[in-house]
Amino acid sequence: MLTMLPKEKKRKKMSAYKEICSHCKGNGYIKHNGLYEETILQCQDCKSEGEHRYGQAEVDEFIYNTYFRKRV
């Protein structure tokens, strides 16, 4: 029987930063109008998941660069 340690539970909760993909609008695919027919392609930005996931380090870096770096 496997159990999760308390530290592993905390790590799992920290990766909950998500953003809907702006390219495919959360669908995971894109309609492409070709020369003769319309084709459906997988979104390469989000790898067909429909959202981008960010870790805590990426969020902290974004906050620092957005708010604190401009003041210097």
N, C-alpha and C. Protein backbone atom coordinates (compact mmCIF):
# COMPACT_ATOMS: atom_id res chain seq x y z
N MET A 1 0.84 -1.18 0.00
CA MET A 1 0.00 0.00 0.00
C MET A 1 0.88 1.24 0.00
N LEU A 2 0.69 2.11 -0.98
CA LEU A 2 1.47 3.34 -1.09
C LEU A 2 0.71 4.50 -0.48
N THR A 3 1.43 5.34 0.24
CA THR A 3 0.83 6.55 0.80
C THR A 3 1.68 7.74 0.43
N MET A 4 1.05 8.89 0.32
CA MET A 4 1.78 10.11 0.00
C MET A 4 2.27 10.76 1.28
N LEU A 5 3.47 11.21 1.28
CA LEU A 5 4.01 11.94 2.41
C LEU A 5 3.47 13.36 2.41
N PRO A 6 3.43 14.02 3.55
CA PRO A 6 2.92 15.40 3.59
C PRO A 6 3.66 16.36 2.66
N LYS A 7 4.95 16.17 2.50
CA LYS A 7 5.72 17.05 1.60
C LYS A 7 5.26 16.88 0.15
N GLU A 8 4.96 15.66 -0.26
CA GLU A 8 4.52 15.42 -1.63
C GLU A 8 3.15 16.03 -1.88
N LYS A 9 2.29 16.05 -0.88
CA LYS A 9 0.99 16.67 -1.03
C LYS A 9 1.13 18.17 -1.26
N LYS A 10 2.05 18.80 -0.56
CA LYS A 10 2.26 20.23 -0.73
C LYS A 10 2.78 20.54 -2.13
N ARG A 11 3.67 19.74 -2.64
CA ARG A 11 4.19 19.96 -3.99
C ARG A 11 3.09 19.83 -5.04
N LYS A 12 2.21 18.89 -4.83
CA LYS A 12 1.14 18.67 -5.79
C LYS A 12 0.20 19.87 -5.85
N LYS A 13 -0.08 20.48 -4.73
CA LYS A 13 -0.98 21.63 -4.69
C LYS A 13 -0.34 22.88 -5.27
N MET A 14 0.98 22.99 -5.23
CA MET A 14 1.65 24.21 -5.69
C MET A 14 1.61 24.37 -7.20
N SER A 15 1.43 23.32 -7.96
CA SER A 15 1.44 23.41 -9.42
C SER A 15 0.05 23.63 -9.99
N ALA A 16 -0.76 24.41 -9.31
CA ALA A 16 -2.15 24.61 -9.73
C ALA A 16 -2.35 25.90 -10.51
N TYR A 17 -1.31 26.51 -10.99
CA TYR A 17 -1.44 27.74 -11.76
C TYR A 17 -1.67 27.38 -13.22
N LYS A 18 -2.85 27.72 -13.71
CA LYS A 18 -3.21 27.38 -15.09
C LYS A 18 -3.71 28.62 -15.81
N GLU A 19 -3.57 28.60 -17.13
CA GLU A 19 -4.05 29.67 -17.97
C GLU A 19 -4.61 29.04 -19.24
N ILE A 20 -5.76 29.48 -19.69
CA ILE A 20 -6.34 28.97 -20.92
C ILE A 20 -5.48 29.41 -22.10
N CYS A 21 -5.23 28.52 -23.01
CA CYS A 21 -4.40 28.80 -24.18
C CYS A 21 -5.07 29.87 -25.04
N SER A 22 -4.34 30.91 -25.35
CA SER A 22 -4.90 32.00 -26.14
C SER A 22 -4.95 31.67 -27.63
N HIS A 23 -4.19 30.68 -28.05
CA HIS A 23 -4.15 30.32 -29.47
C HIS A 23 -5.37 29.49 -29.87
N CYS A 24 -5.68 28.44 -29.09
CA CYS A 24 -6.80 27.56 -29.44
C CYS A 24 -8.05 27.83 -28.60
N LYS A 25 -7.97 28.80 -27.69
CA LYS A 25 -9.10 29.19 -26.82
C LYS A 25 -9.58 28.04 -25.94
N GLY A 26 -8.68 27.13 -25.56
CA GLY A 26 -9.02 26.04 -24.65
C GLY A 26 -9.55 24.78 -25.31
N ASN A 27 -9.66 24.76 -26.62
CA ASN A 27 -10.18 23.57 -27.31
C ASN A 27 -9.12 22.48 -27.48
N GLY A 28 -7.88 22.88 -27.69
CA GLY A 28 -6.83 21.91 -27.96
C GLY A 28 -6.60 21.68 -29.44
N TYR A 29 -7.43 22.28 -30.27
CA TYR A 29 -7.25 22.15 -31.71
C TYR A 29 -7.55 23.49 -32.40
N ILE A 30 -7.09 23.60 -33.65
CA ILE A 30 -7.25 24.82 -34.43
C ILE A 30 -7.80 24.43 -35.80
N LYS A 31 -8.78 25.16 -36.29
CA LYS A 31 -9.30 24.95 -37.64
C LYS A 31 -8.47 25.78 -38.60
N HIS A 32 -7.97 25.14 -39.62
CA HIS A 32 -7.12 25.80 -40.61
C HIS A 32 -7.81 25.74 -41.97
N ASN A 33 -8.08 26.88 -42.55
CA ASN A 33 -8.70 26.94 -43.87
C ASN A 33 -7.61 26.83 -44.93
N GLY A 34 -7.55 25.70 -45.56
CA GLY A 34 -6.57 25.47 -46.61
C GLY A 34 -7.07 25.97 -47.95
N LEU A 35 -6.38 25.62 -48.99
CA LEU A 35 -6.74 26.06 -50.33
C LEU A 35 -8.05 25.42 -50.79
N TYR A 36 -8.23 24.13 -50.53
CA TYR A 36 -9.42 23.44 -51.02
C TYR A 36 -10.35 22.94 -49.91
N GLU A 37 -9.82 22.72 -48.74
CA GLU A 37 -10.65 22.17 -47.67
C GLU A 37 -10.20 22.69 -46.31
N GLU A 38 -11.09 22.58 -45.34
CA GLU A 38 -10.77 23.00 -43.98
C GLU A 38 -10.21 21.80 -43.22
N THR A 39 -9.09 21.99 -42.57
CA THR A 39 -8.48 20.90 -41.80
C THR A 39 -8.42 21.30 -40.33
N ILE A 40 -8.38 20.30 -39.49
CA ILE A 40 -8.27 20.51 -38.05
C ILE A 40 -6.88 20.07 -37.62
N LEU A 41 -6.17 20.97 -36.94
CA LEU A 41 -4.81 20.72 -36.49
C LEU A 41 -4.74 20.77 -34.97
N GLN A 42 -3.81 20.03 -34.40
CA GLN A 42 -3.60 20.09 -32.97
C GLN A 42 -2.82 21.37 -32.63
N CYS A 43 -3.16 21.97 -31.49
CA CYS A 43 -2.49 23.19 -31.07
C CYS A 43 -1.08 22.85 -30.60
N GLN A 44 -0.09 23.54 -31.16
CA GLN A 44 1.30 23.29 -30.79
C GLN A 44 1.74 24.09 -29.57
N ASP A 45 1.02 25.16 -29.25
CA ASP A 45 1.39 25.97 -28.09
C ASP A 45 1.15 25.23 -26.77
N CYS A 46 -0.02 24.62 -26.66
CA CYS A 46 -0.37 23.94 -25.41
C CYS A 46 -0.29 22.42 -25.53
N LYS A 47 0.17 21.92 -26.67
CA LYS A 47 0.28 20.48 -26.93
C LYS A 47 -1.07 19.78 -26.78
N SER A 48 -2.11 20.41 -27.27
CA SER A 48 -3.49 19.90 -27.32
C SER A 48 -4.11 19.68 -25.95
N GLU A 49 -3.61 20.36 -24.92
CA GLU A 49 -4.22 20.25 -23.59
C GLU A 49 -5.26 21.34 -23.35
N GLY A 50 -5.16 22.45 -24.04
CA GLY A 50 -6.12 23.52 -23.88
C GLY A 50 -5.74 24.54 -22.83
N GLU A 51 -4.66 24.29 -22.11
CA GLU A 51 -4.23 25.22 -21.07
C GLU A 51 -2.73 25.12 -20.86
N HIS A 52 -2.17 26.18 -20.33
CA HIS A 52 -0.75 26.21 -19.97
C HIS A 52 -0.65 26.06 -18.46
N ARG A 53 0.30 25.28 -18.00
CA ARG A 53 0.51 25.09 -16.57
C ARG A 53 1.82 25.76 -16.17
N TYR A 54 1.79 26.43 -15.05
CA TYR A 54 2.97 27.14 -14.56
C TYR A 54 3.32 26.67 -13.16
N GLY A 55 4.60 26.58 -12.88
CA GLY A 55 5.08 26.22 -11.56
C GLY A 55 5.26 27.47 -10.70
N GLN A 56 5.53 27.26 -9.44
CA GLN A 56 5.67 28.37 -8.50
C GLN A 56 6.85 29.27 -8.87
N ALA A 57 7.95 28.70 -9.34
CA ALA A 57 9.13 29.49 -9.69
C ALA A 57 8.83 30.42 -10.87
N GLU A 58 8.07 29.95 -11.85
CA GLU A 58 7.72 30.79 -13.00
C GLU A 58 6.79 31.93 -12.59
N VAL A 59 5.87 31.66 -11.69
CA VAL A 59 4.95 32.70 -11.22
C VAL A 59 5.71 33.75 -10.41
N ASP A 60 6.62 33.32 -9.55
CA ASP A 60 7.41 34.26 -8.76
C ASP A 60 8.28 35.14 -9.66
N GLU A 61 8.87 34.56 -10.69
CA GLU A 61 9.70 35.32 -11.62
C GLU A 61 8.87 36.35 -12.38
N PHE A 62 7.67 35.96 -12.80
CA PHE A 62 6.79 36.89 -13.50
C PHE A 62 6.40 38.06 -12.61
N ILE A 63 6.05 37.80 -11.36
CA ILE A 63 5.68 38.86 -10.43
C ILE A 63 6.85 39.79 -10.19
N TYR A 64 8.03 39.24 -10.00
CA TYR A 64 9.22 40.06 -9.76
C TYR A 64 9.52 40.94 -10.97
N ASN A 65 9.50 40.36 -12.17
CA ASN A 65 9.82 41.14 -13.37
C ASN A 65 8.75 42.19 -13.67
N THR A 66 7.51 41.92 -13.36
CA THR A 66 6.42 42.85 -13.67
C THR A 66 6.38 44.02 -12.71
N TYR A 67 6.50 43.76 -11.42
CA TYR A 67 6.27 44.81 -10.43
C TYR A 67 7.53 45.42 -9.84
N PHE A 68 8.53 44.62 -9.55
CA PHE A 68 9.67 45.12 -8.81
C PHE A 68 10.82 45.58 -9.70
N ARG A 69 10.98 45.03 -10.85
CA ARG A 69 12.10 45.41 -11.73
C ARG A 69 11.88 46.78 -12.35
N LYS A 70 10.65 47.17 -12.58
CA LYS A 70 10.36 48.47 -13.20
C LYS A 70 10.68 49.63 -12.28
N ARG A 71 10.67 49.39 -10.97
CA ARG A 71 10.92 50.47 -10.02
C ARG A 71 12.38 50.87 -9.95
N VAL A 72 13.28 49.96 -10.31
CA VAL A 72 14.71 50.25 -10.20
C VAL A 72 15.19 51.14 -11.30
